[in-house]
């Protein structure tokens, strides 16, 4: 392992800045699920105005954000597993026990998040994958990359096979699936009414959707993808790539040779899906593969560009802000959900805000988190949810407030 991947006694700034940018970036996509029916995420024609500025907001978000920042976050979660395990080993503590306690409590937090706040939770699959991957920390980078790539390929193979076979399906099966892609008006209104309704109505709708995602989409798609990316993240951490331990030319080449093909694939997907008018027979399965694979290349390019920025002297104050956001990433992720739930469920605005309006909400949350995160981290060791998670993992109250000199 490259010796300069670890910063002695402190966090790696590169990891914190990458994580901070990623946690802000995922909001560009998550806001759509907070504010509109779930089908509008994959099929932008399923709900709301999809013309003019709203169409351009979708194109911007899809090309630059959809699956890219979640890919980065998954890679970083694999890296954080390595940091935790190696840290415990250096202190001659049980890495196994620490790992499983940590991810057990993350699973509890994720389930509470999914069923009580927002069904689009990613913490639950992260915790489940981490519980499965502990033995993989011993793998060589090459082995982790190969196994990770195979796992990452599984959802694409399944969806491509189904997409190619769809023309031969009985028409009634395609019509039955249509409700998950372009729901009938009465189903749309039922979801809107539920999330504009009482807390109990919201809870019932949220629990139904969360359970459906966790029992269908998660085992068939999400878990495979996250397992693969976390393994790749472990490997990239070991090589020094994620810690900024490689040469400038390596990051420049990665940004170019991963980013440009990735962007090209994503743009081909945008054009082909728009030309198909997001028809279920193409866009639901086959049309989604362009972004699935393009997002990996773009994520590696984003990471490379961020590390190049971190290595440069430019924008030190802004780096510090992103770093603070990243150091309390769990708190910022959950706070985004709490704000989204308040705006769209508490204020009854679910289904009422256009994509342009959603983007303005995102800008407001970004400004808020880039402002309070440095303030918070100057006074506390951890974000509020990180502190609770760490205390539960350690089985005792952790120090929180920093001692400040007069």
Protein backbone atom coordinates (compact mmCIF):
# COMPACT_ATOMS: atom_id res chain seq x y z
CA UNK A 1 0.00 0.00 0.00
CA UNK A 2 1.18 3.50 -0.82
CA UNK A 3 2.44 5.11 2.36
CA UNK A 4 1.18 8.57 1.55
CA UNK A 5 -2.45 7.52 1.33
CA UNK A 6 -2.88 8.08 5.06
CA UNK A 7 -2.57 11.36 6.87
CA UNK A 8 -1.11 10.84 10.32
CA UNK A 9 -3.40 12.09 13.06
CA UNK A 10 -5.82 13.82 10.70
CA UNK A 11 -8.27 13.18 7.95
CA UNK A 12 -7.19 13.16 4.36
CA UNK A 13 -8.26 16.48 2.94
CA UNK A 14 -8.76 14.96 -0.48
CA UNK A 15 -11.24 12.39 0.85
CA UNK A 16 -13.12 15.01 2.83
CA UNK A 17 -13.35 17.43 -0.10
CA UNK A 18 -14.46 14.67 -2.48
CA UNK A 19 -17.05 13.48 0.03
CA UNK A 20 -18.31 17.01 0.61
CA UNK A 21 -18.78 17.68 -3.09
CA UNK A 22 -20.45 14.28 -3.52
CA UNK A 23 -22.94 14.81 -0.68
CA UNK A 24 -23.96 18.15 -2.19
CA UNK A 25 -24.07 16.72 -5.70
CA UNK A 26 -26.44 13.85 -4.90
CA UNK A 27 -29.05 16.39 -3.84
CA UNK A 28 -29.45 17.41 -7.50
CA UNK A 29 -31.08 14.02 -8.11
CA UNK A 30 -32.59 13.30 -4.70
CA UNK A 31 -34.62 16.51 -4.84
CA UNK A 32 -36.65 15.02 -7.68
CA UNK A 33 -37.74 12.10 -5.50
CA UNK A 34 -38.51 14.37 -2.55
CA UNK A 35 -40.73 16.61 -4.64
CA UNK A 36 -42.39 14.41 -7.28
CA UNK A 37 -43.72 10.91 -7.80
CA UNK A 38 -41.00 8.28 -7.82
CA UNK A 39 -41.47 7.36 -11.48
CA UNK A 40 -40.42 10.88 -12.53
CA UNK A 41 -36.83 10.07 -11.55
CA UNK A 42 -36.28 7.48 -14.27
CA UNK A 43 -38.94 8.77 -16.65
CA UNK A 44 -39.09 12.58 -16.66
CA UNK A 45 -42.23 12.47 -18.81
CA UNK A 46 -44.14 10.65 -16.06
CA UNK A 47 -45.05 13.81 -14.17
CA UNK A 48 -44.88 17.58 -14.45
CA UNK A 49 -43.87 19.93 -17.21
CA UNK A 50 -41.01 18.60 -19.33
CA UNK A 51 -40.44 21.48 -21.71
CA UNK A 52 -38.34 24.61 -21.91
CA UNK A 53 -36.28 25.39 -18.82
CA UNK A 54 -37.59 22.33 -16.99
CA UNK A 55 -36.26 20.06 -19.72
CA UNK A 56 -32.87 21.77 -19.58
CA UNK A 57 -32.72 21.40 -15.79
CA UNK A 58 -33.37 17.67 -16.21
CA UNK A 59 -30.67 17.39 -18.92
CA UNK A 60 -28.18 19.31 -16.77
CA UNK A 61 -28.91 17.21 -13.67
CA UNK A 62 -28.96 13.91 -15.53
CA UNK A 63 -25.73 14.50 -17.47
CA UNK A 64 -23.69 15.93 -14.60
CA UNK A 65 -25.20 14.30 -11.51
CA UNK A 66 -27.36 11.22 -12.06
CA UNK A 67 -25.45 8.22 -10.57
CA UNK A 68 -22.14 10.13 -10.76
CA UNK A 69 -22.08 11.44 -7.20
CA UNK A 70 -23.68 8.30 -5.82
CA UNK A 71 -20.90 6.35 -7.54
CA UNK A 72 -18.33 8.58 -5.86
CA UNK A 73 -20.01 8.17 -2.50
CA UNK A 74 -20.04 4.37 -2.88
CA UNK A 75 -16.34 4.32 -3.78
CA UNK A 76 -15.61 6.49 -0.75
CA UNK A 77 -17.59 4.20 1.52
CA UNK A 78 -15.27 1.37 0.51
CA UNK A 79 -12.31 3.62 1.27
CA UNK A 80 -13.75 4.53 4.68
CA UNK A 81 -14.05 0.82 5.49
CA UNK A 82 -10.31 0.50 4.90
CA UNK A 83 -9.60 3.55 7.08
CA UNK A 84 -11.66 2.16 9.96
CA UNK A 85 -10.20 -1.34 9.73
CA UNK A 86 -6.60 -0.13 9.42
CA UNK A 87 -7.09 2.36 12.24
CA UNK A 88 -8.34 -0.36 14.57
CA UNK A 89 -5.47 -2.64 13.63
CA UNK A 90 -2.89 0.07 14.32
CA UNK A 91 -4.39 0.52 17.78
CA UNK A 92 -4.41 -3.29 18.25
CA UNK A 93 -8.18 -3.31 18.68
CA UNK A 94 -10.71 -5.73 17.22
CA UNK A 95 -11.35 -4.46 13.69
CA UNK A 96 -13.99 -7.16 13.18
CA UNK A 97 -16.11 -6.12 16.16
CA UNK A 98 -15.77 -2.42 15.40
CA UNK A 99 -16.73 -2.94 11.76
CA UNK A 100 -19.87 -4.93 12.52
CA UNK A 101 -21.03 -2.67 15.36
CA UNK A 102 -20.50 0.39 13.19
CA UNK A 103 -22.48 -0.98 10.27
CA UNK A 104 -25.19 -2.53 12.44
CA UNK A 105 -25.98 0.93 13.80
CA UNK A 106 -25.75 2.42 10.31
CA UNK A 107 -28.35 -0.14 9.24
CA UNK A 108 -30.64 0.98 12.07
CA UNK A 109 -30.17 4.63 11.13
CA UNK A 110 -30.84 3.80 7.48
CA UNK A 111 -34.03 1.89 8.20
CA UNK A 112 -35.31 4.72 10.41
CA UNK A 113 -34.45 7.18 7.65
CA UNK A 114 -36.21 5.11 4.98
CA UNK A 115 -39.43 4.48 6.88
CA UNK A 116 -39.78 7.68 8.90
CA UNK A 117 -38.31 10.42 6.67
CA UNK A 118 -37.61 9.45 3.05
CA UNK A 119 -37.86 6.15 1.20
CA UNK A 120 -34.94 6.95 -1.14
CA UNK A 121 -32.46 6.07 1.62
CA UNK A 122 -29.02 4.77 0.58
CA UNK A 123 -27.67 4.06 4.08
CA UNK A 124 -29.47 0.72 4.37
CA UNK A 125 -27.83 -0.85 1.28
CA UNK A 126 -24.48 0.65 2.28
CA UNK A 127 -24.69 -0.99 5.70
CA UNK A 128 -25.80 -4.34 4.27
CA UNK A 129 -23.00 -4.34 1.71
CA UNK A 130 -20.42 -3.37 4.32
CA UNK A 131 -21.57 -6.24 6.55
CA UNK A 132 -20.91 -8.62 3.67
CA UNK A 133 -17.59 -7.15 2.57
CA UNK A 134 -15.46 -7.28 5.71
CA UNK A 135 -13.29 -10.24 4.54
CA UNK A 136 -12.58 -8.38 1.29
CA UNK A 137 -10.22 -5.93 3.00
CA UNK A 138 -7.49 -8.55 2.61
CA UNK A 139 -7.86 -8.68 -1.18
CA UNK A 140 -5.16 -7.23 -3.38
CA UNK A 141 -6.18 -4.12 -5.34
CA UNK A 142 -6.17 -6.12 -8.57
CA UNK A 143 -8.46 -8.82 -7.17
CA UNK A 144 -10.81 -6.23 -5.62
CA UNK A 145 -11.07 -4.35 -8.92
CA UNK A 146 -11.81 -7.53 -10.89
CA UNK A 147 -14.43 -8.84 -8.46
CA UNK A 148 -15.91 -5.37 -8.07
CA UNK A 149 -16.21 -4.95 -11.83
CA UNK A 150 -17.96 -8.32 -12.14
CA UNK A 151 -20.46 -7.41 -9.42
CA UNK A 152 -21.02 -3.98 -10.97
CA UNK A 153 -21.81 -5.68 -14.30
CA UNK A 154 -24.57 -7.91 -12.90
CA UNK A 155 -27.43 -5.34 -12.93
CA UNK A 156 -26.50 -4.24 -16.43
CA UNK A 157 -26.54 -7.83 -17.73
CA UNK A 158 -29.91 -8.51 -16.10
CA UNK A 159 -31.50 -5.31 -17.40
CA UNK A 160 -30.04 -5.64 -20.89
CA UNK A 161 -31.28 -9.22 -21.16
CA UNK A 162 -34.76 -8.20 -20.07
CA UNK A 163 -34.73 -5.20 -22.41
CA UNK A 164 -33.73 -7.29 -25.42
CA UNK A 165 -36.44 -9.82 -24.66
CA UNK A 166 -39.19 -7.22 -24.12
CA UNK A 167 -40.41 -7.20 -27.77
CA UNK A 168 -41.30 -10.86 -27.29
CA UNK A 169 -43.26 -10.37 -24.07
CA UNK A 170 -47.04 -10.78 -24.07
CA UNK A 171 -48.66 -7.37 -24.43
CA UNK A 172 -50.46 -7.72 -21.10
CA UNK A 173 -47.10 -8.07 -19.28
CA UNK A 174 -45.81 -4.86 -20.87
CA UNK A 175 -49.03 -3.07 -19.94
CA UNK A 176 -48.71 -4.32 -16.37
CA UNK A 177 -45.16 -2.97 -16.19
CA UNK A 178 -46.29 0.34 -17.66
CA UNK A 179 -47.72 1.35 -14.30
CA UNK A 180 -44.20 1.38 -12.86
CA UNK A 181 -42.95 3.59 -15.69
CA UNK A 182 -45.88 5.83 -16.64
CA UNK A 183 -48.50 5.50 -13.88
CA UNK A 184 -52.18 6.09 -14.45
CA UNK A 185 -53.57 9.48 -13.34
CA UNK A 186 -55.42 7.95 -10.38
CA UNK A 187 -52.19 6.39 -9.07
CA UNK A 188 -50.37 9.70 -9.47
CA UNK A 189 -53.09 11.51 -7.56
CA UNK A 190 -53.08 8.89 -4.81
CA UNK A 191 -49.36 9.46 -4.16
CA UNK A 192 -49.72 13.24 -4.25
CA UNK A 193 -52.70 13.14 -1.91
CA UNK A 194 -50.83 10.89 0.51
CA UNK A 195 -47.75 13.13 0.73
CA UNK A 196 -49.89 16.23 0.98
CA UNK A 197 -52.00 14.51 3.63
CA UNK A 198 -51.62 13.64 7.28
CA UNK A 199 -48.49 12.20 8.90
CA UNK A 200 -50.16 8.78 9.01
CA UNK A 201 -51.00 8.90 5.29
CA UNK A 202 -47.42 9.89 4.50
CA UNK A 203 -46.05 7.14 6.73
CA UNK A 204 -48.20 4.47 5.10
CA UNK A 205 -47.20 5.53 1.58
CA UNK A 206 -43.53 5.85 2.53
CA UNK A 207 -43.43 2.45 4.24
CA UNK A 208 -45.06 0.77 1.25
CA UNK A 209 -42.54 2.29 -1.18
CA UNK A 210 -39.51 1.68 1.05
CA UNK A 211 -40.47 -1.97 1.53
CA UNK A 212 -40.99 -2.42 -2.21
CA UNK A 213 -37.59 -0.92 -3.01
CA UNK A 214 -35.82 -2.99 -0.37
CA UNK A 215 -37.36 -6.26 -1.51
CA UNK A 216 -37.22 -5.80 -5.30
CA UNK A 217 -34.92 -3.05 -6.57
CA UNK A 218 -32.30 -3.52 -3.86
CA UNK A 219 -31.53 -7.25 -4.40
CA UNK A 220 -31.81 -7.04 -8.19
CA UNK A 221 -29.88 -3.81 -8.80
CA UNK A 222 -28.68 -1.66 -5.89
CA UNK A 223 -26.81 -4.25 -3.83
CA UNK A 224 -24.83 -5.57 -6.79
CA UNK A 225 -23.87 -2.08 -7.88
CA UNK A 226 -22.93 -0.90 -4.39
CA UNK A 227 -20.96 -4.07 -3.60
CA UNK A 228 -18.98 -3.64 -6.80
CA UNK A 229 -18.28 0.04 -6.23
CA UNK A 230 -17.30 -0.43 -2.59
CA UNK A 231 -14.81 -3.11 -3.60
CA UNK A 232 -13.40 -0.79 -6.25
CA UNK A 233 -13.20 1.96 -3.63
CA UNK A 234 -11.23 -0.30 -1.31
CA UNK A 235 -8.82 -1.04 -4.16
CA UNK A 236 -8.48 2.61 -5.20
CA UNK A 237 -7.74 3.55 -1.61
CA UNK A 238 -5.04 0.90 -1.32
CA UNK A 239 -3.34 2.12 -4.49
CA UNK A 240 -3.31 5.70 -3.20
CA UNK A 241 -5.64 6.98 -5.92
CA UNK A 242 -8.40 8.23 -3.60
CA UNK A 243 -5.95 9.70 -1.12
CA UNK A 244 -4.24 11.85 -3.72
CA UNK A 245 -1.09 9.75 -3.51
CA UNK A 246 -0.46 9.34 -7.23
CA UNK A 247 1.20 11.68 -9.69
CA UNK A 248 -0.38 14.75 -11.24
CA UNK A 249 -0.11 13.20 -14.69
CA UNK A 250 -2.03 10.11 -13.51
CA UNK A 251 -4.98 12.21 -12.39
CA UNK A 252 -4.89 14.28 -15.56
CA UNK A 253 -4.91 11.16 -17.72
CA UNK A 254 -7.71 9.61 -15.68
CA UNK A 255 -9.82 12.76 -15.98
CA UNK A 256 -9.33 12.69 -19.74
CA UNK A 257 -9.48 8.99 -20.60
CA UNK A 258 -12.26 8.10 -18.15
CA UNK A 259 -14.22 11.35 -18.28
CA UNK A 260 -14.57 11.87 -22.03
CA UNK A 261 -15.80 8.34 -22.89
CA UNK A 262 -18.08 8.46 -19.84
CA UNK A 263 -19.56 11.79 -20.90
CA UNK A 264 -20.01 10.52 -24.46
CA UNK A 265 -21.97 7.48 -23.24
CA UNK A 266 -24.21 9.64 -21.04
CA UNK A 267 -24.91 12.07 -23.90
CA UNK A 268 -25.74 9.20 -26.26
CA UNK A 269 -28.23 8.00 -23.66
CA UNK A 270 -29.83 11.43 -23.34
CA UNK A 271 -30.27 11.79 -27.10
CA UNK A 272 -31.54 8.26 -27.63
CA UNK A 273 -34.03 8.43 -24.77
CA UNK A 274 -35.35 11.81 -25.88
CA UNK A 275 -35.73 10.46 -29.42
CA UNK A 276 -37.61 7.45 -28.04
CA UNK A 277 -39.76 9.83 -25.95
CA UNK A 278 -38.90 7.65 -22.96
CA UNK A 279 -40.94 4.75 -24.30
CA UNK A 280 -40.96 1.83 -21.87
CA UNK A 281 -39.75 -0.69 -24.44
CA UNK A 282 -36.44 1.18 -24.80
CA UNK A 283 -35.84 3.67 -22.02
CA UNK A 284 -36.78 1.65 -18.95
CA UNK A 285 -34.07 -0.97 -19.42
CA UNK A 286 -31.92 -0.61 -22.54
CA UNK A 287 -31.90 3.18 -22.55
CA UNK A 288 -30.65 3.35 -18.96
CA UNK A 289 -27.43 1.44 -19.71
CA UNK A 290 -25.70 4.41 -21.32
CA UNK A 291 -25.78 6.38 -18.07
CA UNK A 292 -25.10 3.31 -15.93
CA UNK A 293 -21.71 2.80 -17.54
CA UNK A 294 -20.98 6.43 -18.37
CA UNK A 295 -21.44 7.42 -14.74
CA UNK A 296 -18.48 5.28 -13.67
CA UNK A 297 -16.08 7.02 -16.04
CA UNK A 298 -17.41 10.45 -15.13
CA UNK A 299 -17.14 9.69 -11.40
CA UNK A 300 -13.47 8.74 -11.77
CA UNK A 301 -12.91 11.93 -13.76
CA UNK A 302 -14.64 14.04 -11.08
CA UNK A 303 -12.46 12.47 -8.39
CA UNK A 304 -9.33 13.13 -10.43
CA UNK A 305 -10.27 16.76 -11.05
CA UNK A 306 -11.08 17.32 -7.38
CA UNK A 307 -7.73 15.84 -6.30
CA UNK A 308 -5.92 18.03 -8.82
CA UNK A 309 -7.72 21.02 -7.29
CA UNK A 310 -6.85 19.89 -3.75
CA UNK A 311 -3.18 19.61 -4.76
CA UNK A 312 -3.21 23.14 -6.19
CA UNK A 313 -3.03 26.35 -4.12
CA UNK A 314 -6.29 27.68 -5.59
CA UNK A 315 -9.46 28.17 -3.58
CA UNK A 316 -8.21 27.26 -0.10
CA UNK A 317 -11.21 28.76 1.69
CA UNK A 318 -13.66 26.97 -0.59
CA UNK A 319 -11.77 23.70 -0.12
CA UNK A 320 -12.11 24.15 3.63
CA UNK A 321 -15.88 24.57 3.25
CA UNK A 322 -16.24 21.42 1.13
CA UNK A 323 -13.99 19.56 3.55
CA UNK A 324 -16.22 20.53 6.48
CA UNK A 325 -19.31 19.37 4.56
CA UNK A 326 -17.55 16.06 3.93
CA UNK A 327 -16.45 15.58 7.52
CA UNK A 328 -20.08 15.66 8.59
CA UNK A 329 -21.42 13.90 5.49
CA UNK A 330 -23.88 11.65 7.37
CA UNK A 331 -25.37 14.63 9.18
CA UNK A 332 -25.59 16.67 5.98
CA UNK A 333 -27.22 13.78 4.12
CA UNK A 334 -29.86 13.35 6.83
CA UNK A 335 -30.34 17.11 7.19
CA UNK A 336 -31.01 17.31 3.45
CA UNK A 337 -33.74 14.73 3.98
CA UNK A 338 -35.20 16.60 6.93
CA UNK A 339 -35.28 19.84 4.95
CA UNK A 340 -36.79 18.07 1.92
CA UNK A 341 -39.41 16.38 4.09
CA UNK A 342 -40.32 19.70 5.71
CA UNK A 343 -40.64 21.58 2.41
CA UNK A 344 -42.44 18.98 0.33
CA UNK A 345 -44.33 16.95 2.94
CA UNK A 346 -44.70 19.31 5.88
CA UNK A 347 -45.62 22.36 3.79
CA UNK A 348 -47.72 20.28 1.39
CA UNK A 349 -45.66 21.21 -1.70
CA UNK A 350 -45.21 17.65 -2.95
CA UNK A 351 -46.04 17.58 -6.65
CA UNK A 352 -46.32 21.37 -6.81
CA UNK A 353 -42.73 22.47 -7.54
CA UNK A 354 -41.30 22.45 -11.07
CA UNK A 355 -37.82 21.20 -11.89
CA UNK A 356 -36.61 24.80 -12.07
CA UNK A 357 -38.04 25.41 -8.60
CA UNK A 358 -36.40 22.24 -7.32
CA UNK A 359 -33.04 23.46 -8.59
CA UNK A 360 -33.48 26.72 -6.66
CA UNK A 361 -34.19 24.71 -3.51
CA UNK A 362 -30.97 22.78 -4.11
CA UNK A 363 -28.98 26.01 -4.43
CA UNK A 364 -30.46 27.21 -1.14
CA UNK A 365 -29.54 23.99 0.70
CA UNK A 366 -26.04 24.07 -0.78
CA UNK A 367 -25.54 27.62 0.49
CA UNK A 368 -26.85 26.63 3.91
CA UNK A 369 -24.64 23.56 4.29
CA UNK A 370 -21.53 25.29 2.99
CA UNK A 371 -22.15 27.97 5.63
CA UNK A 372 -23.01 26.01 8.76
CA UNK A 373 -20.65 23.04 8.22
CA UNK A 374 -17.38 25.02 8.74
CA UNK A 375 -18.98 26.81 11.71
CA UNK A 376 -20.01 23.50 13.26
CA UNK A 377 -16.72 21.68 12.67
CA UNK A 378 -14.78 24.58 14.20
CA UNK A 379 -16.64 23.94 17.47
CA UNK A 380 -17.36 20.21 17.52
CA UNK A 381 -15.36 17.08 16.81
CA UNK A 382 -18.18 15.48 14.81
CA UNK A 383 -21.46 16.27 13.13
CA UNK A 384 -24.48 15.53 15.35
CA UNK A 385 -25.39 12.26 13.65
CA UNK A 386 -21.73 11.21 13.37
CA UNK A 387 -21.41 11.76 17.11
CA UNK A 388 -24.49 9.62 17.83
CA UNK A 389 -23.30 6.90 15.42
CA UNK A 390 -19.81 6.88 16.93
CA UNK A 391 -21.16 6.79 20.48
CA UNK A 392 -23.45 3.86 19.67
CA UNK A 393 -20.60 2.03 17.94
CA UNK A 394 -18.20 2.54 20.84
CA UNK A 395 -20.87 1.82 23.45
CA UNK A 396 -20.14 5.03 25.34
CA UNK A 397 -20.62 8.76 24.99
CA UNK A 398 -17.92 10.27 22.80
CA UNK A 399 -16.32 13.70 23.31
CA UNK A 400 -18.10 16.24 21.19
CA UNK A 401 -17.34 19.85 22.05
CA UNK A 402 -13.86 21.10 21.17
CA UNK A 403 -11.95 22.89 23.90
CA UNK A 404 -11.42 26.49 22.79
CA UNK A 405 -8.66 28.68 24.19
CA UNK A 406 -9.62 32.09 25.53
